[in-house]
């Protein structure tokens, strides 16, 4: 089964600052879907990621997939409730010097969590 990716993921690494960022930008096709179709597509995407994580023997690849699964699972209930601004790029900072992320602000600062 071909699963539509709901977003494009960009990885930025700044070793000097000690921060890595993941940028999640929803695709035009995903944004054009109705809510029910978006939710079903997102759920299928998470399930496909879980299958991918189980089937890979590459530890680094598996860890990356698990990170995306965890972030996607955090987004899922807010996507179901139609609370996520699909036109914005969500930024997740990782690393020892990470100050926060737009995802954390979205989920915590806006009363969505």
PDB file of N, CA and C in Angstrom:
ATOM      1  N   UNK A   1       0.849  -1.176   0.000  1.00  0.00           N
ATOM      2  CA  UNK A   1       0.000   0.000   0.000  1.00  0.00           C
ATOM      3  C   UNK A   1       0.897   1.243   0.000  1.00  0.00           C
ATOM      4  N   UNK A   2       0.617   2.157  -0.889  1.00  0.00           N
ATOM      5  CA  UNK A   2       1.365   3.411  -0.958  1.00  0.00           C
ATOM      6  C   UNK A   2       0.746   4.401   0.020  1.00  0.00           C
ATOM      7  N   UNK A   3       1.557   4.891   0.951  1.00  0.00           N
ATOM      8  CA  UNK A   3       1.084   5.829   1.965  1.00  0.00           C
ATOM      9  C   UNK A   3       1.586   7.219   1.613  1.00  0.00           C
ATOM     10  N   UNK A   4       0.663   8.171   1.579  1.00  0.00           N
ATOM     11  CA  UNK A   4       0.994   9.565   1.280  1.00  0.00           C
ATOM     12  C   UNK A   4       1.694  10.190   2.481  1.00  0.00           C
ATOM     13  N   UNK A   5       2.871  10.770   2.264  1.00  0.00           N
ATOM     14  CA  UNK A   5       3.540  11.483   3.341  1.00  0.00           C
ATOM     15  C   UNK A   5       2.816  12.793   3.585  1.00  0.00           C
ATOM     16  N   UNK A   6       2.425  13.065   4.823  1.00  0.00           N
ATOM     17  CA  UNK A   6       1.684  14.292   5.107  1.00  0.00           C
ATOM     18  C   UNK A   6       2.555  15.543   5.111  1.00  0.00           C
ATOM     19  N   UNK A   7       3.857  15.357   5.307  1.00  0.00           N
ATOM     20  CA  UNK A   7       4.731  16.520   5.354  1.00  0.00           C
ATOM     21  C   UNK A   7       6.106  16.190   4.804  1.00  0.00           C
ATOM     22  N   UNK A   8       6.798  17.262   4.438  1.00  0.00           N
ATOM     23  CA  UNK A   8       8.197  17.162   4.051  1.00  0.00           C
ATOM     24  C   UNK A   8       8.993  17.445   5.316  1.00  0.00           C
ATOM     25  N   UNK A   9      10.049  16.662   5.540  1.00  0.00           N
ATOM     26  CA  UNK A   9      10.875  16.836   6.730  1.00  0.00           C
ATOM     27  C   UNK A   9      12.261  17.270   6.287  1.00  0.00           C
ATOM     28  N   UNK A  10      12.711  18.392   6.837  1.00  0.00           N
ATOM     29  CA  UNK A  10      14.065  18.871   6.585  1.00  0.00           C
ATOM     30  C   UNK A  10      14.844  18.785   7.887  1.00  0.00           C
ATOM     31  N   UNK A  11      16.099  18.392   7.774  1.00  0.00           N
ATOM     32  CA  UNK A  11      16.981  18.250   8.929  1.00  0.00           C
ATOM     33  C   UNK A  11      18.081  19.298   8.826  1.00  0.00           C
ATOM     34  N   UNK A  12      18.236  20.099   9.870  1.00  0.00           N
ATOM     35  CA  UNK A  12      19.303  21.089   9.921  1.00  0.00           C
ATOM     36  C   UNK A  12      20.157  20.806  11.139  1.00  0.00           C
ATOM     37  N   UNK A  13      21.461  20.846  10.956  1.00  0.00           N
ATOM     38  CA  UNK A  13      22.392  20.540  12.042  1.00  0.00           C
ATOM     39  C   UNK A  13      23.377  21.691  12.178  1.00  0.00           C
ATOM     40  N   UNK A  14      23.444  22.274  13.369  1.00  0.00           N
ATOM     41  CA  UNK A  14      24.407  23.339  13.653  1.00  0.00           C
ATOM     42  C   UNK A  14      25.296  22.876  14.800  1.00  0.00           C
ATOM     43  N   UNK A  15      26.412  22.183  14.460  1.00  0.00           N
ATOM     44  CA  UNK A  15      27.278  21.642  15.513  1.00  0.00           C
ATOM     45  C   UNK A  15      27.849  22.710  16.438  1.00  0.00           C
ATOM     46  N   UNK A  16      28.087  23.910  15.917  1.00  0.00           N
ATOM     47  CA  UNK A  16      28.646  24.985  16.757  1.00  0.00           C
ATOM     48  C   UNK A  16      27.669  25.381  17.855  1.00  0.00           C
ATOM     49  N   UNK A  17      26.387  25.433  17.511  1.00  0.00           N
ATOM     50  CA  UNK A  17      25.373  25.814  18.486  1.00  0.00           C
ATOM     51  C   UNK A  17      24.903  24.614  19.310  1.00  0.00           C
ATOM     52  N   UNK A  18      25.253  23.410  18.881  1.00  0.00           N
ATOM     53  CA  UNK A  18      24.828  22.221  19.603  1.00  0.00           C
ATOM     54  C   UNK A  18      23.356  21.927  19.450  1.00  0.00           C
ATOM     55  N   UNK A  19      22.782  22.360  18.321  1.00  0.00           N
ATOM     56  CA  UNK A  19      21.346  22.195  18.108  1.00  0.00           C
ATOM     57  C   UNK A  19      21.102  21.539  16.751  1.00  0.00           C
ATOM     58  N   UNK A  20      20.162  20.628  16.748  1.00  0.00           N
ATOM     59  CA  UNK A  20      19.660  20.044  15.502  1.00  0.00           C
ATOM     60  C   UNK A  20      18.182  20.392  15.422  1.00  0.00           C
ATOM     61  N   UNK A  21      17.728  20.638  14.210  1.00  0.00           N
ATOM     62  CA  UNK A  21      16.320  20.985  14.023  1.00  0.00           C
ATOM     63  C   UNK A  21      15.696  20.079  12.983  1.00  0.00           C
ATOM     64  N   UNK A  22      14.447  19.735  13.225  1.00  0.00           N
ATOM     65  CA  UNK A  22      13.612  19.074  12.237  1.00  0.00           C
ATOM     66  C   UNK A  22      12.518  20.056  11.863  1.00  0.00           C
ATOM     67  N   UNK A  23      12.368  20.311  10.571  1.00  0.00           N
ATOM     68  CA  UNK A  23      11.331  21.211  10.072  1.00  0.00           C
ATOM     69  C   UNK A  23      10.276  20.363   9.365  1.00  0.00           C
ATOM     70  N   UNK A  24       9.040  20.467   9.807  1.00  0.00           N
ATOM     71  CA  UNK A  24       7.926  19.717   9.242  1.00  0.00           C
ATOM     72  C   UNK A  24       7.027  20.687   8.479  1.00  0.00           C
ATOM     73  N   UNK A  25       6.958  20.500   7.166  1.00  0.00           N
ATOM     74  CA  UNK A  25       6.114  21.351   6.323  1.00  0.00           C
ATOM     75  C   UNK A  25       5.080  20.456   5.650  1.00  0.00           C
ATOM     76  N   UNK A  26       3.813  20.707   5.915  1.00  0.00           N
ATOM     77  CA  UNK A  26       2.749  19.884   5.342  1.00  0.00           C
ATOM     78  C   UNK A  26       2.688  20.082   3.833  1.00  0.00           C
ATOM     79  N   UNK A  27       2.438  18.987   3.124  1.00  0.00           N
ATOM     80  CA  UNK A  27       2.372  19.033   1.661  1.00  0.00           C
ATOM     81  C   UNK A  27       1.069  19.678   1.206  1.00  0.00           C
ATOM     82  N   UNK A  28       1.088  20.196  -0.008  1.00  0.00           N
ATOM     83  CA  UNK A  28      -0.116  20.800  -0.580  1.00  0.00           C
ATOM     84  C   UNK A  28      -1.244  19.798  -0.702  1.00  0.00           C
ATOM     85  N   UNK A  29      -0.920  18.580  -1.098  1.00  0.00           N
ATOM     86  CA  UNK A  29      -1.939  17.536  -1.235  1.00  0.00           C
ATOM     87  C   UNK A  29      -2.591  17.235   0.108  1.00  0.00           C
ATOM     88  N   UNK A  30      -1.784  17.154   1.153  1.00  0.00           N
ATOM     89  CA  UNK A  30      -2.315  16.873   2.488  1.00  0.00           C
ATOM     90  C   UNK A  30      -3.206  18.023   2.964  1.00  0.00           C
ATOM     91  N   UNK A  31      -2.760  19.250   2.740  1.00  0.00           N
ATOM     92  CA  UNK A  31      -3.540  20.416   3.159  1.00  0.00           C
ATOM     93  C   UNK A  31      -4.873  20.505   2.420  1.00  0.00           C
ATOM     94  N   UNK A  32      -4.920  20.001   1.193  1.00  0.00           N
ATOM     95  CA  UNK A  32      -6.133  20.076   0.384  1.00  0.00           C
ATOM     96  C   UNK A  32      -7.171  19.020   0.774  1.00  0.00           C
ATOM     97  N   UNK A  33      -6.764  18.028   1.537  1.00  0.00           N
ATOM     98  CA  UNK A  33      -7.683  16.958   1.938  1.00  0.00           C
ATOM     99  C   UNK A  33      -8.698  17.473   2.955  1.00  0.00           C
ATOM    100  N   UNK A  34      -9.834  16.804   3.002  1.00  0.00           N
ATOM    101  CA  UNK A  34     -10.797  17.055   4.063  1.00  0.00           C
ATOM    102  C   UNK A  34     -10.264  16.482   5.365  1.00  0.00           C
ATOM    103  N   UNK A  35     -10.842  16.885   6.471  1.00  0.00           N
ATOM    104  CA  UNK A  35     -10.347  16.476   7.786  1.00  0.00           C
ATOM    105  C   UNK A  35     -10.304  14.956   7.936  1.00  0.00           C
ATOM    106  N   UNK A  36     -11.369  14.262   7.563  1.00  0.00           N
ATOM    107  CA  UNK A  36     -11.402  12.805   7.711  1.00  0.00           C
ATOM    108  C   UNK A  36     -10.293  12.139   6.915  1.00  0.00           C
ATOM    109  N   UNK A  37     -10.081  12.603   5.700  1.00  0.00           N
ATOM    110  CA  UNK A  37      -9.041  12.025   4.858  1.00  0.00           C
ATOM    111  C   UNK A  37      -7.655  12.343   5.418  1.00  0.00           C
ATOM    112  N   UNK A  38      -7.459  13.562   5.938  1.00  0.00           N
ATOM    113  CA  UNK A  38      -6.178  13.920   6.559  1.00  0.00           C
ATOM    114  C   UNK A  38      -5.878  13.008   7.741  1.00  0.00           C
ATOM    115  N   UNK A  39      -6.877  12.784   8.589  1.00  0.00           N
ATOM    116  CA  UNK A  39      -6.690  11.944   9.768  1.00  0.00           C
ATOM    117  C   UNK A  39      -6.356  10.512   9.349  1.00  0.00           C
ATOM    118  N   UNK A  40      -7.091   9.971   8.385  1.00  0.00           N
ATOM    119  CA  UNK A  40      -6.837   8.604   7.917  1.00  0.00           C
ATOM    120  C   UNK A  40      -5.452   8.495   7.286  1.00  0.00           C
ATOM    121  N   UNK A  41      -5.062   9.494   6.508  1.00  0.00           N
ATOM    122  CA  UNK A  41      -3.740   9.500   5.876  1.00  0.00           C
ATOM    123  C   UNK A  41      -2.647   9.580   6.928  1.00  0.00           C
ATOM    124  N   UNK A  42      -2.841  10.414   7.929  1.00  0.00           N
ATOM    125  CA  UNK A  42      -1.837  10.574   8.984  1.00  0.00           C
ATOM    126  C   UNK A  42      -1.698   9.289   9.793  1.00  0.00           C
ATOM    127  N   UNK A  43      -2.815   8.657  10.090  1.00  0.00           N
ATOM    128  CA  UNK A  43      -2.790   7.396  10.824  1.00  0.00           C
ATOM    129  C   UNK A  43      -2.063   6.315  10.009  1.00  0.00           C
ATOM    130  N   UNK A  44      -2.345   6.244   8.718  1.00  0.00           N
ATOM    131  CA  UNK A  44      -1.662   5.275   7.852  1.00  0.00           C
ATOM    132  C   UNK A  44      -0.168   5.568   7.790  1.00  0.00           C
ATOM    133  N   UNK A  45       0.189   6.848   7.784  1.00  0.00           N
ATOM    134  CA  UNK A  45       1.601   7.251   7.772  1.00  0.00           C
ATOM    135  C   UNK A  45       2.310   6.760   9.035  1.00  0.00           C
ATOM    136  N   UNK A  46       1.696   6.961  10.197  1.00  0.00           N
ATOM    137  CA  UNK A  46       2.295   6.501  11.456  1.00  0.00           C
ATOM    138  C   UNK A  46       2.442   4.981  11.434  1.00  0.00           C
ATOM    139  N   UNK A  47       1.407   4.279  10.992  1.00  0.00           N
ATOM    140  CA  UNK A  47       1.465   2.817  10.937  1.00  0.00           C
ATOM    141  C   UNK A  47       2.572   2.342   9.998  1.00  0.00           C
ATOM    142  N   UNK A  48       2.751   3.034   8.873  1.00  0.00           N
ATOM    143  CA  UNK A  48       3.813   2.673   7.945  1.00  0.00           C
ATOM    144  C   UNK A  48       5.188   2.906   8.573  1.00  0.00           C
ATOM    145  N   UNK A  49       5.325   4.006   9.313  1.00  0.00           N
ATOM    146  CA  UNK A  49       6.583   4.270  10.006  1.00  0.00           C
ATOM    147  C   UNK A  49       6.902   3.180  11.027  1.00  0.00           C
ATOM    148  N   UNK A  50       5.890   2.726  11.747  1.00  0.00           N
ATOM    149  CA  UNK A  50       6.084   1.654  12.728  1.00  0.00           C
ATOM    150  C   UNK A  50       6.561   0.391  12.018  1.00  0.00           C
ATOM    151  N   UNK A  51       5.920   0.048  10.903  1.00  0.00           N
ATOM    152  CA  UNK A  51       6.347  -1.119  10.125  1.00  0.00           C
ATOM    153  C   UNK A  51       7.780  -0.948   9.628  1.00  0.00           C
ATOM    154  N   UNK A  52       8.109   0.262   9.157  1.00  0.00           N
ATOM    155  CA  UNK A  52       9.467   0.539   8.672  1.00  0.00           C
ATOM    156  C   UNK A  52      10.497   0.378   9.782  1.00  0.00           C
ATOM    157  N   UNK A  53      10.167   0.868  10.973  1.00  0.00           N
ATOM    158  CA  UNK A  53      11.089   0.767  12.108  1.00  0.00           C
ATOM    159  C   UNK A  53      11.326  -0.684  12.493  1.00  0.00           C
ATOM    160  N   UNK A  54      10.280  -1.489  12.421  1.00  0.00           N
ATOM    161  CA  UNK A  54      10.402  -2.903  12.763  1.00  0.00           C
ATOM    162  C   UNK A  54      11.225  -3.672  11.737  1.00  0.00           C
ATOM    163  N   UNK A  55      11.173  -3.231  10.492  1.00  0.00           N
ATOM    164  CA  UNK A  55      11.793  -4.016   9.424  1.00  0.00           C
ATOM    165  C   UNK A  55      13.231  -3.626   9.098  1.00  0.00           C
ATOM    166  N   UNK A  56      13.721  -2.518   9.629  1.00  0.00           N
ATOM    167  CA  UNK A  56      15.081  -2.106   9.301  1.00  0.00           C
ATOM    168  C   UNK A  56      16.092  -2.688  10.288  1.00  0.00           C
ATOM    169  N   UNK A  57      17.237  -3.062   9.764  1.00  0.00           N
ATOM    170  CA  UNK A  57      18.321  -3.555  10.603  1.00  0.00           C
ATOM    171  C   UNK A  57      19.324  -2.455  10.933  1.00  0.00           C
ATOM    172  N   UNK A  58      19.156  -1.300  10.318  1.00  0.00           N
ATOM    173  CA  UNK A  58      20.067  -0.171  10.515  1.00  0.00           C
ATOM    174  C   UNK A  58      19.623   0.597  11.761  1.00  0.00           C
ATOM    175  N   UNK A  59      20.432   0.524  12.820  1.00  0.00           N
ATOM    176  CA  UNK A  59      20.072   1.133  14.103  1.00  0.00           C
ATOM    177  C   UNK A  59      19.856   2.642  13.994  1.00  0.00           C
ATOM    178  N   UNK A  60      20.745   3.337  13.283  1.00  0.00           N
ATOM    179  CA  UNK A  60      20.609   4.796  13.144  1.00  0.00           C
ATOM    180  C   UNK A  60      19.322   5.137  12.402  1.00  0.00           C
ATOM    181  N   UNK A  61      19.005   4.380  11.366  1.00  0.00           N
ATOM    182  CA  UNK A  61      17.771   4.606  10.614  1.00  0.00           C
ATOM    183  C   UNK A  61      16.554   4.349  11.500  1.00  0.00           C
ATOM    184  N   UNK A  62      16.613   3.270  12.275  1.00  0.00           N
ATOM    185  CA  UNK A  62      15.493   2.942  13.169  1.00  0.00           C
ATOM    186  C   UNK A  62      15.279   4.060  14.192  1.00  0.00           C
ATOM    187  N   UNK A  63      16.362   4.583  14.762  1.00  0.00           N
ATOM    188  CA  UNK A  63      16.238   5.659  15.753  1.00  0.00           C
ATOM    189  C   UNK A  63      15.621   6.907  15.131  1.00  0.00           C
ATOM    190  N   UNK A  64      16.009   7.224  13.898  1.00  0.00           N
ATOM    191  CA  UNK A  64      15.415   8.368  13.207  1.00  0.00           C
ATOM    192  C   UNK A  64      13.933   8.176  12.960  1.00  0.00           C
ATOM    193  N   UNK A  65      13.566   6.973  12.535  1.00  0.00           N
ATOM    194  CA  UNK A  65      12.148   6.677  12.294  1.00  0.00           C
ATOM    195  C   UNK A  65      11.365   6.778  13.591  1.00  0.00           C
ATOM    196  N   UNK A  66      11.924   6.270  14.674  1.00  0.00           N
ATOM    197  CA  UNK A  66      11.236   6.324  15.967  1.00  0.00           C
ATOM    198  C   UNK A  66      11.031   7.771  16.415  1.00  0.00           C
ATOM    199  N   UNK A  67      12.003   8.628  16.155  1.00  0.00           N
ATOM    200  CA  UNK A  67      11.844  10.055  16.481  1.00  0.00           C
ATOM    201  C   UNK A  67      10.660  10.649  15.728  1.00  0.00           C
ATOM    202  N   UNK A  68      10.560  10.336  14.445  1.00  0.00           N
ATOM    203  CA  UNK A  68       9.443  10.857  13.634  1.00  0.00           C
ATOM    204  C   UNK A  68       8.123  10.267  14.118  1.00  0.00           C
ATOM    205  N   UNK A  69       8.122   8.991  14.504  1.00  0.00           N
ATOM    206  CA  UNK A  69       6.905   8.378  15.054  1.00  0.00           C
ATOM    207  C   UNK A  69       6.466   9.115  16.307  1.00  0.00           C
ATOM    208  N   UNK A  70       7.405   9.366  17.214  1.00  0.00           N
ATOM    209  CA  UNK A  70       7.062  10.036  18.479  1.00  0.00           C
ATOM    210  C   UNK A  70       6.482  11.429  18.233  1.00  0.00           C
ATOM    211  N   UNK A  71       7.084  12.177  17.340  1.00  0.00           N
ATOM    212  CA  UNK A  71       6.581  13.517  17.029  1.00  0.00           C
ATOM    213  C   UNK A  71       5.206  13.415  16.377  1.00  0.00           C
ATOM    214  N   UNK A  72       5.062  12.484  15.442  1.00  0.00           N
ATOM    215  CA  UNK A  72       3.779  12.306  14.749  1.00  0.00           C
ATOM    216  C   UNK A  72       2.677  11.900  15.716  1.00  0.00           C
ATOM    217  N   UNK A  73       3.004  11.033  16.673  1.00  0.00           N
ATOM    218  CA  UNK A  73       2.008  10.626  17.662  1.00  0.00           C
ATOM    219  C   UNK A  73       1.577  11.796  18.545  1.00  0.00           C
ATOM    220  N   UNK A  74       2.498  12.716  18.815  1.00  0.00           N
ATOM    221  CA  UNK A  74       2.146  13.912  19.583  1.00  0.00           C
ATOM    222  C   UNK A  74       1.225  14.835  18.776  1.00  0.00           C
ATOM    223  N   UNK A  75       1.451  14.890  17.479  1.00  0.00           N
ATOM    224  CA  UNK A  75       0.640  15.740  16.606  1.00  0.00           C
ATOM    225  C   UNK A  75      -0.750  15.157  16.344  1.00  0.00           C
ATOM    226  N   UNK A  76      -0.845  13.845  16.342  1.00  0.00           N
ATOM    227  CA  UNK A  76      -2.062  13.158  15.896  1.00  0.00           C
ATOM    228  C   UNK A  76      -3.361  13.649  16.555  1.00  0.00           C
ATOM    229  N   UNK A  77      -3.454  13.710  17.899  1.00  0.00           N
ATOM    230  CA  UNK A  77      -4.728  14.156  18.480  1.00  0.00           C
ATOM    231  C   UNK A  77      -5.078  15.598  18.107  1.00  0.00           C
ATOM    232  N   UNK A  78      -4.067  16.419  17.898  1.00  0.00           N
ATOM    233  CA  UNK A  78      -4.314  17.808  17.529  1.00  0.00           C
ATOM    234  C   UNK A  78      -4.725  17.919  16.060  1.00  0.00           C
ATOM    235  N   UNK A  79      -4.225  16.999  15.259  1.00  0.00           N
ATOM    236  CA  UNK A  79      -4.655  16.933  13.865  1.00  0.00           C
ATOM    237  C   UNK A  79      -6.107  16.472  13.801  1.00  0.00           C
ATOM    238  N   UNK A  80      -6.448  15.482  14.615  1.00  0.00           N
ATOM    239  CA  UNK A  80      -7.829  14.992  14.683  1.00  0.00           C
ATOM    240  C   UNK A  80      -8.791  16.111  15.068  1.00  0.00           C
ATOM    241  N   UNK A  81      -8.364  16.964  15.986  1.00  0.00           N
ATOM    242  CA  UNK A  81      -9.201  18.062  16.468  1.00  0.00           C
ATOM    243  C   UNK A  81      -9.133  19.284  15.552  1.00  0.00           C
ATOM    244  N   UNK A  82      -8.380  19.162  14.447  1.00  0.00           N
ATOM    245  CA  UNK A  82      -8.237  20.239  13.463  1.00  0.00           C
ATOM    246  C   UNK A  82      -7.651  21.505  14.093  1.00  0.00           C
ATOM    247  N   UNK A  83      -6.664  21.314  14.980  1.00  0.00           N
ATOM    248  CA  UNK A  83      -6.064  22.420  15.715  1.00  0.00           C
ATOM    249  C   UNK A  83      -4.692  22.838  15.186  1.00  0.00           C
ATOM    250  N   UNK A  84      -4.191  22.155  14.188  1.00  0.00           N
ATOM    251  CA  UNK A  84      -2.842  22.434  13.706  1.00  0.00           C
ATOM    252  C   UNK A  84      -2.906  23.348  12.486  1.00  0.00           C
ATOM    253  N   UNK A  85      -2.180  24.463  12.514  1.00  0.00           N
ATOM    254  CA  UNK A  85      -2.133  25.353  11.345  1.00  0.00           C
ATOM    255  C   UNK A  85      -1.262  24.712  10.250  1.00  0.00           C
ATOM    256  N   UNK A  86      -1.906  24.158   9.256  1.00  0.00           N
ATOM    257  CA  UNK A  86      -1.203  23.388   8.227  1.00  0.00           C
ATOM    258  C   UNK A  86      -0.327  24.242   7.325  1.00  0.00           C
ATOM    259  N   UNK A  87      -0.526  25.536   7.322  1.00  0.00           N
ATOM    260  CA  UNK A  87       0.272  26.415   6.468  1.00  0.00           C
ATOM    261  C   UNK A  87       1.594  26.820   7.117  1.00  0.00           C
ATOM    262  N   UNK A  88       1.792  26.454   8.376  1.00  0.00           N
ATOM    263  CA  UNK A  88       3.020  26.824   9.080  1.00  0.00           C
ATOM    264  C   UNK A  88       3.985  25.640   9.104  1.00  0.00           C
ATOM    265  N   UNK A  89       5.274  25.948   9.108  1.00  0.00           N
ATOM    266  CA  UNK A  89       6.297  24.922   9.278  1.00  0.00           C
ATOM    267  C   UNK A  89       6.513  24.726  10.776  1.00  0.00           C
ATOM    268  N   UNK A  90       6.398  23.477  11.221  1.00  0.00           N
ATOM    269  CA  UNK A  90       6.629  23.157  12.623  1.00  0.00           C
ATOM    270  C   UNK A  90       8.110  22.841  12.788  1.00  0.00           C
ATOM    271  N   UNK A  91       8.735  23.419  13.802  1.00  0.00           N
ATOM    272  CA  UNK A  91      10.170  23.241  14.027  1.00  0.00           C
ATOM    273  C   UNK A  91      10.368  22.576  15.383  1.00  0.00           C
ATOM    274  N   UNK A  92      11.134  21.495  15.366  1.00  0.00           N
ATOM    275  CA  UNK A  92      11.474  20.787  16.596  1.00  0.00           C
ATOM    276  C   UNK A  92      12.987  20.884  16.764  1.00  0.00           C
ATOM    277  N   UNK A  93      13.422  21.482  17.872  1.00  0.00           N
ATOM    278  CA  UNK A  93      14.843  21.577  18.181  1.00  0.00           C
ATOM    279  C   UNK A  93      15.231  20.397  19.059  1.00  0.00           C
ATOM    280  N   UNK A  94      16.409  19.838  18.766  1.00  0.00           N
ATOM    281  CA  UNK A  94      16.919  18.724  19.545  1.00  0.00           C
ATOM    282  C   UNK A  94      18.365  19.029  19.912  1.00  0.00           C
ATOM    283  N   UNK A  95      18.851  18.440  20.970  1.00  0.00           N
ATOM    284  CA  UNK A  95      20.233  18.639  21.367  1.00  0.00           C
ATOM    285  C   UNK A  95      20.327  19.282  22.729  1.00  0.00           C
ATOM    286  N   UNK A  96      21.541  19.317  23.245  1.00  0.00           N
ATOM    287  CA  UNK A  96      21.770  19.835  24.590  1.00  0.00           C
ATOM    288  C   UNK A  96      21.420  21.313  24.725  1.00  0.00           C
ATOM    289  N   UNK A  97      21.589  22.084  23.663  1.00  0.00           N
ATOM    290  CA  UNK A  97      21.352  23.525  23.732  1.00  0.00           C
ATOM    291  C   UNK A  97      20.008  23.944  23.132  1.00  0.00           C
ATOM    292  N   UNK A  98      19.132  22.986  22.910  1.00  0.00           N
ATOM    293  CA  UNK A  98      17.822  23.299  22.331  1.00  0.00           C
ATOM    294  C   UNK A  98      17.025  24.152  23.305  1.00  0.00           C
ATOM    295  N   UNK A  99      16.472  25.226  22.785  1.00  0.00           N
ATOM    296  CA  UNK A  99      15.703  26.147  23.630  1.00  0.00           C
ATOM    297  C   UNK A  99      14.217  25.853  23.605  1.00  0.00           C
ATOM    298  N   UNK A 100      13.770  25.168  22.615  1.00  0.00           N
ATOM    299  CA  UNK A 100      12.353  24.891  22.484  1.00  0.00           C
ATOM    300  C   UNK A 100      12.035  24.619  21.034  1.00  0.00           C
ATOM    301  N   UNK A 101      10.783  24.576  20.749  1.00  0.00           N
ATOM    302  CA  UNK A 101      10.378  24.307  19.374  1.00  0.00           C
ATOM    303  C   UNK A 101       8.998  24.884  19.139  1.00  0.00           C
ATOM    304  N   UNK A 102       8.684  25.099  17.881  1.00  0.00           N
ATOM    305  CA  UNK A 102       7.342  25.570  17.568  1.00  0.00           C
ATOM    306  C   UNK A 102       6.324  24.483  17.899  1.00  0.00           C
ATOM    307  N   UNK A 103       6.730  23.218  17.837  1.00  0.00           N
ATOM    308  CA  UNK A 103       5.831  22.128  18.203  1.00  0.00           C
ATOM    309  C   UNK A 103       5.485  22.211  19.682  1.00  0.00           C
ATOM    310  N   UNK A 104       6.494  22.424  20.535  1.00  0.00           N
ATOM    311  CA  UNK A 104       6.235  22.550  21.968  1.00  0.00           C
ATOM    312  C   UNK A 104       5.347  23.750  22.246  1.00  0.00           C
ATOM    313  N   UNK A 105       5.610  24.849  21.568  1.00  0.00           N
ATOM    314  CA  UNK A 105       4.781  26.042  21.737  1.00  0.00           C
ATOM    315  C   UNK A 105       3.361  25.768  21.280  1.00  0.00           C
ATOM    316  N   UNK A 106       3.240  25.069  20.164  1.00  0.00           N
ATOM    317  CA  UNK A 106       1.917  24.748  19.640  1.00  0.00           C
ATOM    318  C   UNK A 106       1.150  23.876  20.623  1.00  0.00           C
ATOM    319  N   UNK A 107       1.802  22.850  21.128  1.00  0.00           N
ATOM    320  CA  UNK A 107       1.117  21.897  21.994  1.00  0.00           C
ATOM    321  C   UNK A 107       0.929  22.410  23.413  1.00  0.00           C
ATOM    322  N   UNK A 108       1.877  23.208  23.924  1.00  0.00           N
ATOM    323  CA  UNK A 108       1.797  23.666  25.305  1.00  0.00           C
ATOM    324  C   UNK A 108       1.358  25.113  25.444  1.00  0.00           C
ATOM    325  N   UNK A 109       1.972  25.988  24.702  1.00  0.00           N
ATOM    326  CA  UNK A 109       1.713  27.413  24.843  1.00  0.00           C
ATOM    327  C   UNK A 109       0.359  27.858  24.344  1.00  0.00           C
ATOM    328  N   UNK A 110      -0.238  27.086  23.472  1.00  0.00           N
ATOM    329  CA  UNK A 110      -1.530  27.478  22.906  1.00  0.00           C
ATOM    330  C   UNK A 110      -2.699  26.757  23.580  1.00  0.00           C
ATOM    331  N   UNK A 111      -2.412  26.035  24.626  1.00  0.00           N
ATOM    332  CA  UNK A 111      -3.473  25.338  25.325  1.00  0.00           C
ATOM    333  C   UNK A 111      -4.002  24.125  24.581  1.00  0.00           C
ATOM    334  N   UNK A 112      -3.226  23.567  23.673  1.00  0.00           N
ATOM    335  CA  UNK A 112      -3.709  22.444  22.891  1.00  0.00           C
ATOM    336  C   UNK A 112      -3.479  21.114  23.583  1.00  0.00           C
ATOM    337  N   UNK A 113      -2.620  21.085  24.560  1.00  0.00           N
ATOM    338  CA  UNK A 113      -2.273  19.809  25.174  1.00  0.00           C
ATOM    339  C   UNK A 113      -3.032  19.583  26.459  1.00  0.00           C
TER     340      UNK A 113
END
